[in-house]
Amino acid sequence: MIFRRNLARLACAAALAAPVLAAASPLVAFDSAVFVERVTPDRGRMLQPAATLKRGDRVVYVVSWHRTGGQGGFTVTNPLSRKVYFQGSADGREEVSIDGGRSWGKLDALRVGDRLATPEDVTHVRWRVPAAEAARGSGQITYSAIVR
């Protein structure tokens, strides 16, 4: 029970940590929410606020951004808690890092030693928001992970 509570706190705290903005040109505000996917026979798949998590839970992160000024595109970077492993994003445009954010690429192109990287190896995820998309003023980035 204590493990589950601590796991939930760690995963939620890591997910709610503000995403890092890599470009200084536009001014961007962020908000994050964390949900857990629950499946019930009578109601099917549902997203619920992540209050408690257990091993194997699918966690859905929603990062909302709102441009408050400036111009141009920007990059959003999110570190992943060691308590979860990356599954994918809603649009598939993400780049991942398996070395703490030092290098980036598509998961299927990265290697750990002699093997291809797996979702369990991902330490950070980032998205490049192009100027045309940033000009709309707001948007969301959604991705999922599995609790280890």
N, C-alpha and C. Protein backbone atom coordinates (compact mmCIF):
# COMPACT_ATOMS: atom_id res chain seq x y z
N MET A 1 0.82 -1.20 0.00
CA MET A 1 0.00 0.00 0.00
C MET A 1 0.86 1.25 0.00
N ILE A 2 1.89 1.27 0.86
CA ILE A 2 2.78 2.44 0.90
C ILE A 2 3.49 2.58 -0.43
N PHE A 3 3.93 1.45 -1.02
CA PHE A 3 4.59 1.50 -2.31
C PHE A 3 3.69 2.14 -3.36
N ARG A 4 2.42 1.73 -3.38
CA ARG A 4 1.50 2.26 -4.38
C ARG A 4 1.28 3.75 -4.19
N ARG A 5 1.13 4.21 -2.94
CA ARG A 5 0.95 5.64 -2.69
C ARG A 5 2.18 6.42 -3.10
N ASN A 6 3.36 5.93 -2.74
CA ASN A 6 4.59 6.62 -3.10
C ASN A 6 4.79 6.61 -4.61
N LEU A 7 4.47 5.50 -5.25
CA LEU A 7 4.58 5.42 -6.69
C LEU A 7 3.68 6.44 -7.35
N ALA A 8 2.46 6.56 -6.87
CA ALA A 8 1.52 7.52 -7.44
C ALA A 8 2.03 8.94 -7.25
N ARG A 9 2.54 9.23 -6.07
CA ARG A 9 3.07 10.58 -5.81
C ARG A 9 4.25 10.87 -6.72
N LEU A 10 5.16 9.93 -6.87
CA LEU A 10 6.33 10.15 -7.71
C LEU A 10 5.94 10.34 -9.17
N ALA A 11 5.08 9.48 -9.66
CA ALA A 11 4.67 9.58 -11.06
C ALA A 11 3.93 10.88 -11.32
N CYS A 12 3.02 11.24 -10.44
CA CYS A 12 2.25 12.47 -10.63
C CYS A 12 3.15 13.70 -10.49
N ALA A 13 4.04 13.69 -9.52
CA ALA A 13 4.94 14.84 -9.33
C ALA A 13 5.82 15.02 -10.55
N ALA A 14 6.35 13.94 -11.09
CA ALA A 14 7.21 14.05 -12.27
C ALA A 14 6.41 14.54 -13.46
N ALA A 15 5.19 14.07 -13.60
CA ALA A 15 4.38 14.47 -14.74
C ALA A 15 3.93 15.91 -14.64
N LEU A 16 3.71 16.38 -13.44
CA LEU A 16 3.23 17.74 -13.27
C LEU A 16 4.35 18.77 -13.27
N ALA A 17 5.58 18.29 -13.25
CA ALA A 17 6.70 19.22 -13.35
C ALA A 17 6.56 19.96 -14.67
N ALA A 18 6.75 21.26 -14.64
CA ALA A 18 6.54 22.06 -15.84
C ALA A 18 7.44 21.60 -16.96
N PRO A 19 6.89 21.45 -18.16
CA PRO A 19 7.72 21.11 -19.30
C PRO A 19 8.76 22.20 -19.51
N VAL A 20 9.87 21.83 -20.08
CA VAL A 20 10.96 22.77 -20.31
C VAL A 20 10.77 23.38 -21.69
N LEU A 21 10.84 24.68 -21.78
CA LEU A 21 10.73 25.40 -23.04
C LEU A 21 12.13 25.65 -23.55
N ALA A 22 12.45 25.13 -24.75
CA ALA A 22 13.81 25.22 -25.26
C ALA A 22 14.07 26.49 -26.05
N ALA A 23 13.07 27.11 -26.64
CA ALA A 23 13.28 28.31 -27.42
C ALA A 23 12.86 29.53 -26.60
N ALA A 24 13.65 30.58 -26.65
CA ALA A 24 13.37 31.75 -25.84
C ALA A 24 12.51 32.77 -26.55
N SER A 25 12.30 32.65 -27.85
CA SER A 25 11.59 33.66 -28.62
C SER A 25 10.13 33.84 -28.18
N PRO A 26 9.27 32.82 -28.30
CA PRO A 26 7.90 33.03 -27.86
C PRO A 26 7.78 32.85 -26.35
N LEU A 27 6.81 33.52 -25.77
CA LEU A 27 6.49 33.33 -24.36
C LEU A 27 5.35 32.33 -24.30
N VAL A 28 5.54 31.25 -23.56
CA VAL A 28 4.57 30.17 -23.54
C VAL A 28 4.28 29.77 -22.11
N ALA A 29 3.00 29.60 -21.78
CA ALA A 29 2.58 29.11 -20.47
C ALA A 29 2.13 27.66 -20.63
N PHE A 30 2.40 26.84 -19.62
CA PHE A 30 2.06 25.42 -19.67
C PHE A 30 1.17 25.03 -18.51
N ASP A 31 0.36 24.00 -18.74
CA ASP A 31 -0.42 23.36 -17.69
C ASP A 31 -0.38 21.87 -17.99
N SER A 32 -0.28 21.05 -16.96
CA SER A 32 -0.22 19.60 -17.15
C SER A 32 -1.29 18.91 -16.34
N ALA A 33 -1.77 17.80 -16.88
CA ALA A 33 -2.73 16.96 -16.18
C ALA A 33 -2.33 15.50 -16.40
N VAL A 34 -2.59 14.68 -15.40
CA VAL A 34 -2.25 13.27 -15.46
C VAL A 34 -3.51 12.45 -15.21
N PHE A 35 -3.74 11.48 -16.09
CA PHE A 35 -4.91 10.62 -15.98
C PHE A 35 -4.45 9.17 -16.03
N VAL A 36 -5.26 8.29 -15.46
CA VAL A 36 -5.02 6.86 -15.56
C VAL A 36 -6.19 6.27 -16.33
N GLU A 37 -5.87 5.35 -17.25
CA GLU A 37 -6.90 4.70 -18.04
C GLU A 37 -7.41 3.50 -17.26
N ARG A 38 -8.71 3.46 -17.04
CA ARG A 38 -9.35 2.34 -16.35
C ARG A 38 -10.31 1.67 -17.32
N VAL A 39 -10.37 0.36 -17.25
CA VAL A 39 -11.27 -0.41 -18.10
C VAL A 39 -12.21 -1.18 -17.19
N THR A 40 -13.51 -0.97 -17.40
CA THR A 40 -14.52 -1.70 -16.63
C THR A 40 -15.45 -2.39 -17.61
N PRO A 41 -15.97 -3.54 -17.24
CA PRO A 41 -16.86 -4.29 -18.15
C PRO A 41 -18.11 -3.50 -18.55
N ASP A 42 -18.66 -2.74 -17.61
CA ASP A 42 -19.92 -2.06 -17.89
C ASP A 42 -19.74 -0.70 -18.56
N ARG A 43 -18.59 -0.04 -18.36
CA ARG A 43 -18.41 1.31 -18.91
C ARG A 43 -17.30 1.41 -19.94
N GLY A 44 -16.54 0.34 -20.15
CA GLY A 44 -15.46 0.36 -21.14
C GLY A 44 -14.25 1.14 -20.64
N ARG A 45 -13.54 1.79 -21.56
CA ARG A 45 -12.33 2.54 -21.22
C ARG A 45 -12.69 3.96 -20.76
N MET A 46 -12.07 4.36 -19.65
CA MET A 46 -12.32 5.69 -19.11
C MET A 46 -11.00 6.29 -18.64
N LEU A 47 -10.90 7.59 -18.73
CA LEU A 47 -9.76 8.30 -18.14
C LEU A 47 -10.23 8.92 -16.84
N GLN A 48 -9.44 8.70 -15.79
CA GLN A 48 -9.75 9.26 -14.48
C GLN A 48 -8.53 10.01 -13.99
N PRO A 49 -8.72 11.06 -13.21
CA PRO A 49 -7.55 11.74 -12.63
C PRO A 49 -6.69 10.72 -11.87
N ALA A 50 -5.39 10.82 -12.04
CA ALA A 50 -4.48 9.84 -11.44
C ALA A 50 -4.27 10.13 -9.96
N ALA A 51 -5.07 9.49 -9.13
CA ALA A 51 -4.93 9.63 -7.68
C ALA A 51 -4.05 8.51 -7.14
N THR A 52 -4.28 7.29 -7.59
CA THR A 52 -3.44 6.16 -7.20
C THR A 52 -3.08 5.39 -8.47
N LEU A 53 -1.88 4.86 -8.48
CA LEU A 53 -1.40 4.08 -9.61
C LEU A 53 -0.86 2.75 -9.13
N LYS A 54 -0.94 1.76 -10.00
CA LYS A 54 -0.34 0.47 -9.68
C LYS A 54 0.41 -0.02 -10.91
N ARG A 55 1.30 -0.94 -10.67
CA ARG A 55 2.10 -1.50 -11.75
C ARG A 55 1.20 -1.95 -12.89
N GLY A 56 1.57 -1.56 -14.11
CA GLY A 56 0.79 -1.94 -15.29
C GLY A 56 -0.24 -0.93 -15.73
N ASP A 57 -0.55 0.07 -14.89
CA ASP A 57 -1.51 1.10 -15.28
C ASP A 57 -0.99 1.91 -16.47
N ARG A 58 -1.90 2.25 -17.39
CA ARG A 58 -1.57 3.16 -18.47
C ARG A 58 -1.90 4.57 -17.99
N VAL A 59 -0.89 5.43 -18.04
CA VAL A 59 -1.02 6.81 -17.59
C VAL A 59 -1.03 7.71 -18.83
N VAL A 60 -1.96 8.65 -18.88
CA VAL A 60 -2.06 9.59 -20.00
C VAL A 60 -1.73 10.98 -19.48
N TYR A 61 -0.74 11.60 -20.11
CA TYR A 61 -0.31 12.95 -19.75
C TYR A 61 -0.84 13.92 -20.80
N VAL A 62 -1.38 15.02 -20.34
CA VAL A 62 -1.86 16.06 -21.24
C VAL A 62 -1.13 17.36 -20.87
N VAL A 63 -0.33 17.85 -21.80
CA VAL A 63 0.39 19.10 -21.61
C VAL A 63 -0.30 20.14 -22.49
N SER A 64 -0.91 21.13 -21.86
CA SER A 64 -1.56 22.22 -22.60
C SER A 64 -0.61 23.40 -22.64
N TRP A 65 -0.53 24.05 -23.80
CA TRP A 65 0.32 25.24 -23.90
C TRP A 65 -0.51 26.40 -24.45
N HIS A 66 -0.10 27.59 -24.05
CA HIS A 66 -0.77 28.81 -24.49
C HIS A 66 0.32 29.86 -24.72
N ARG A 67 0.43 30.31 -25.94
CA ARG A 67 1.43 31.33 -26.25
C ARG A 67 0.93 32.68 -25.79
N THR A 68 1.71 33.33 -24.94
CA THR A 68 1.31 34.63 -24.38
C THR A 68 2.02 35.80 -25.05
N GLY A 69 2.92 35.52 -25.95
CA GLY A 69 3.63 36.58 -26.64
C GLY A 69 4.74 36.03 -27.50
N GLY A 70 5.40 36.92 -28.23
CA GLY A 70 6.52 36.51 -29.07
C GLY A 70 6.06 35.85 -30.35
N GLN A 71 7.05 35.40 -31.11
CA GLN A 71 6.78 34.77 -32.40
C GLN A 71 7.64 33.53 -32.55
N GLY A 72 7.34 32.75 -33.57
CA GLY A 72 8.15 31.59 -33.89
C GLY A 72 7.70 30.34 -33.18
N GLY A 73 8.39 29.27 -33.50
CA GLY A 73 8.09 27.99 -32.90
C GLY A 73 8.86 27.80 -31.60
N PHE A 74 8.64 26.68 -30.97
CA PHE A 74 9.33 26.36 -29.72
C PHE A 74 9.37 24.86 -29.55
N THR A 75 10.17 24.42 -28.59
CA THR A 75 10.32 23.00 -28.29
C THR A 75 9.90 22.75 -26.85
N VAL A 76 9.09 21.72 -26.64
CA VAL A 76 8.65 21.32 -25.30
C VAL A 76 9.35 20.01 -24.96
N THR A 77 10.02 19.97 -23.81
CA THR A 77 10.73 18.77 -23.38
C THR A 77 10.19 18.32 -22.03
N ASN A 78 9.86 17.04 -21.92
CA ASN A 78 9.38 16.47 -20.66
C ASN A 78 10.27 15.31 -20.25
N PRO A 79 10.83 15.37 -19.04
CA PRO A 79 11.53 14.20 -18.52
C PRO A 79 10.50 13.17 -18.05
N LEU A 80 10.84 11.91 -18.15
CA LEU A 80 9.95 10.86 -17.67
C LEU A 80 10.42 10.36 -16.32
N SER A 81 9.49 10.10 -15.44
CA SER A 81 9.81 9.49 -14.15
C SER A 81 10.37 8.09 -14.41
N ARG A 82 11.28 7.65 -13.58
CA ARG A 82 11.80 6.29 -13.70
C ARG A 82 10.75 5.25 -13.35
N LYS A 83 9.63 5.69 -12.80
CA LYS A 83 8.55 4.78 -12.40
C LYS A 83 7.62 4.43 -13.56
N VAL A 84 7.83 5.07 -14.72
CA VAL A 84 7.00 4.78 -15.88
C VAL A 84 7.88 4.57 -17.11
N TYR A 85 7.32 3.91 -18.12
CA TYR A 85 8.03 3.85 -19.39
C TYR A 85 7.12 4.32 -20.51
N PHE A 86 7.70 5.05 -21.43
CA PHE A 86 7.01 5.73 -22.52
C PHE A 86 6.31 4.74 -23.43
N GLN A 87 5.11 5.10 -23.88
CA GLN A 87 4.37 4.29 -24.83
C GLN A 87 4.19 4.97 -26.18
N GLY A 88 3.92 6.25 -26.20
CA GLY A 88 3.71 6.95 -27.46
C GLY A 88 2.93 8.22 -27.25
N SER A 89 2.84 9.01 -28.31
CA SER A 89 2.06 10.24 -28.23
C SER A 89 0.91 10.18 -29.21
N ALA A 90 0.01 11.11 -29.06
CA ALA A 90 -1.19 11.14 -29.90
C ALA A 90 -0.86 11.39 -31.36
N ASP A 91 0.18 12.19 -31.64
CA ASP A 91 0.45 12.52 -33.03
C ASP A 91 1.72 11.88 -33.60
N GLY A 92 2.55 11.26 -32.77
CA GLY A 92 3.73 10.57 -33.26
C GLY A 92 4.88 11.47 -33.71
N ARG A 93 4.78 12.77 -33.47
CA ARG A 93 5.84 13.70 -33.89
C ARG A 93 6.97 13.82 -32.87
N GLU A 94 6.87 13.12 -31.76
CA GLU A 94 7.85 13.28 -30.70
C GLU A 94 9.22 12.72 -31.07
N GLU A 95 10.22 13.27 -30.42
CA GLU A 95 11.56 12.72 -30.42
C GLU A 95 11.81 12.26 -29.00
N VAL A 96 12.64 11.24 -28.83
CA VAL A 96 12.92 10.74 -27.50
C VAL A 96 14.43 10.75 -27.26
N SER A 97 14.77 10.73 -25.99
CA SER A 97 16.16 10.59 -25.57
C SER A 97 16.25 9.36 -24.68
N ILE A 98 17.33 8.64 -24.81
CA ILE A 98 17.57 7.48 -23.95
C ILE A 98 18.79 7.71 -23.07
N ASP A 99 19.33 8.94 -23.13
CA ASP A 99 20.56 9.24 -22.38
C ASP A 99 20.43 10.52 -21.56
N GLY A 100 19.26 10.75 -21.01
CA GLY A 100 19.08 11.92 -20.14
C GLY A 100 18.95 13.24 -20.86
N GLY A 101 18.65 13.23 -22.14
CA GLY A 101 18.44 14.47 -22.88
C GLY A 101 19.66 14.96 -23.65
N ARG A 102 20.72 14.16 -23.71
CA ARG A 102 21.92 14.59 -24.44
C ARG A 102 21.78 14.40 -25.94
N SER A 103 21.10 13.34 -26.38
CA SER A 103 20.88 13.10 -27.80
C SER A 103 19.43 12.71 -28.02
N TRP A 104 18.95 12.92 -29.25
CA TRP A 104 17.54 12.76 -29.55
C TRP A 104 17.34 12.04 -30.88
N GLY A 105 16.17 11.40 -31.03
CA GLY A 105 15.81 10.77 -32.28
C GLY A 105 14.49 10.03 -32.13
N LYS A 106 14.09 9.37 -33.20
CA LYS A 106 12.91 8.51 -33.16
C LYS A 106 13.31 7.22 -32.46
N LEU A 107 12.41 6.67 -31.66
CA LEU A 107 12.72 5.50 -30.86
C LEU A 107 13.26 4.35 -31.70
N ASP A 108 12.68 4.13 -32.87
CA ASP A 108 13.10 2.99 -33.69
C ASP A 108 14.46 3.19 -34.35
N ALA A 109 15.08 4.36 -34.17
CA ALA A 109 16.40 4.63 -34.75
C ALA A 109 17.50 4.70 -33.69
N LEU A 110 17.15 4.59 -32.42
CA LEU A 110 18.14 4.73 -31.35
C LEU A 110 18.62 3.35 -30.89
N ARG A 111 19.86 3.30 -30.45
CA ARG A 111 20.46 2.05 -30.00
C ARG A 111 21.03 2.20 -28.60
N VAL A 112 20.92 1.12 -27.85
CA VAL A 112 21.57 0.99 -26.55
C VAL A 112 22.56 -0.15 -26.71
N GLY A 113 23.83 0.20 -26.84
CA GLY A 113 24.82 -0.83 -27.11
C GLY A 113 24.56 -1.48 -28.45
N ASP A 114 24.40 -2.79 -28.45
CA ASP A 114 24.19 -3.55 -29.69
C ASP A 114 22.73 -3.79 -30.02
N ARG A 115 21.81 -3.27 -29.22
CA ARG A 115 20.39 -3.52 -29.46
C ARG A 115 19.65 -2.22 -29.74
N LEU A 116 18.49 -2.37 -30.37
CA LEU A 116 17.62 -1.21 -30.57
C LEU A 116 17.05 -0.78 -29.23
N ALA A 117 16.86 0.52 -29.07
CA ALA A 117 16.26 1.05 -27.85
C ALA A 117 14.81 0.60 -27.77
N THR A 118 14.31 0.47 -26.56
CA THR A 118 12.92 0.09 -26.32
C THR A 118 12.24 1.22 -25.55
N PRO A 119 10.92 1.18 -25.43
CA PRO A 119 10.22 2.21 -24.65
C PRO A 119 10.73 2.31 -23.21
N GLU A 120 11.19 1.22 -22.65
CA GLU A 120 11.71 1.21 -21.29
C GLU A 120 12.98 2.03 -21.14
N ASP A 121 13.68 2.30 -22.24
CA ASP A 121 14.95 3.05 -22.22
C ASP A 121 14.74 4.57 -22.26
N VAL A 122 13.56 5.04 -22.61
CA VAL A 122 13.32 6.47 -22.83
C VAL A 122 13.40 7.23 -21.51
N THR A 123 14.20 8.31 -21.51
CA THR A 123 14.34 9.16 -20.32
C THR A 123 13.64 10.51 -20.49
N HIS A 124 13.52 10.99 -21.72
CA HIS A 124 12.92 12.30 -22.02
C HIS A 124 12.15 12.21 -23.34
N VAL A 125 11.13 13.05 -23.46
CA VAL A 125 10.36 13.16 -24.69
C VAL A 125 10.27 14.64 -25.04
N ARG A 126 10.37 14.95 -26.34
CA ARG A 126 10.22 16.35 -26.74
C ARG A 126 9.44 16.47 -28.03
N TRP A 127 8.81 17.62 -28.17
CA TRP A 127 8.04 17.96 -29.36
C TRP A 127 8.48 19.33 -29.84
N ARG A 128 8.62 19.46 -31.12
CA ARG A 128 8.90 20.77 -31.74
C ARG A 128 7.56 21.32 -32.23
N VAL A 129 7.20 22.47 -31.72
CA VAL A 129 5.96 23.13 -32.15
C VAL A 129 6.37 24.16 -33.18
N PRO A 130 6.05 23.93 -34.46
CA PRO A 130 6.46 24.85 -35.52
C PRO A 130 5.75 26.20 -35.40
N ALA A 131 6.35 27.21 -36.01
CA ALA A 131 5.83 28.58 -35.93
C ALA A 131 4.36 28.66 -36.35
N ALA A 132 3.99 27.96 -37.41
CA ALA A 132 2.59 28.02 -37.90
C ALA A 132 1.63 27.48 -36.85
N GLU A 133 2.01 26.42 -36.17
CA GLU A 133 1.15 25.86 -35.12
C GLU A 133 1.15 26.77 -33.89
N ALA A 134 2.30 27.30 -33.54
CA ALA A 134 2.40 28.20 -32.39
C ALA A 134 1.58 29.47 -32.61
N ALA A 135 1.46 29.89 -33.85
CA ALA A 135 0.71 31.11 -34.17
C ALA A 135 -0.77 30.96 -33.84
N ARG A 136 -1.28 29.73 -33.75
CA ARG A 136 -2.69 29.52 -33.36
C ARG A 136 -2.94 29.96 -31.93
N GLY A 137 -1.87 30.01 -31.12
CA GLY A 137 -2.00 30.54 -29.77
C GLY A 137 -2.11 29.52 -28.66
N SER A 138 -2.59 28.31 -28.95
CA SER A 138 -2.69 27.30 -27.91
C SER A 138 -2.77 25.91 -28.53
N GLY A 139 -2.50 24.92 -27.71
CA GLY A 139 -2.57 23.55 -28.19
C GLY A 139 -2.33 22.58 -27.05
N GLN A 140 -2.39 21.31 -27.38
CA GLN A 140 -2.16 20.26 -26.40
C GLN A 140 -1.25 19.20 -26.98
N ILE A 141 -0.47 18.60 -26.09
CA ILE A 141 0.37 17.46 -26.43
C ILE A 141 -0.05 16.34 -25.48
N THR A 142 -0.36 15.19 -26.04
CA THR A 142 -0.82 14.07 -25.23
C THR A 142 0.06 12.87 -25.49
N TYR A 143 0.48 12.23 -24.40
CA TYR A 143 1.28 11.01 -24.55
C TYR A 143 0.96 10.07 -23.40
N SER A 144 1.36 8.81 -23.57
CA SER A 144 1.04 7.82 -22.56
C SER A 144 2.28 7.06 -22.12
N ALA A 145 2.17 6.46 -20.95
CA ALA A 145 3.24 5.66 -20.37
C ALA A 145 2.61 4.55 -19.55
N ILE A 146 3.40 3.56 -19.23
CA ILE A 146 2.96 2.45 -18.41
C ILE A 146 3.73 2.48 -17.09
N VAL A 147 3.04 2.28 -15.98
CA VAL A 147 3.68 2.26 -14.68
C VAL A 147 4.47 0.95 -14.55
N ARG A 148 5.74 1.08 -14.20
CA ARG A 148 6.61 -0.10 -14.03
C ARG A 148 6.24 -0.88 -12.80
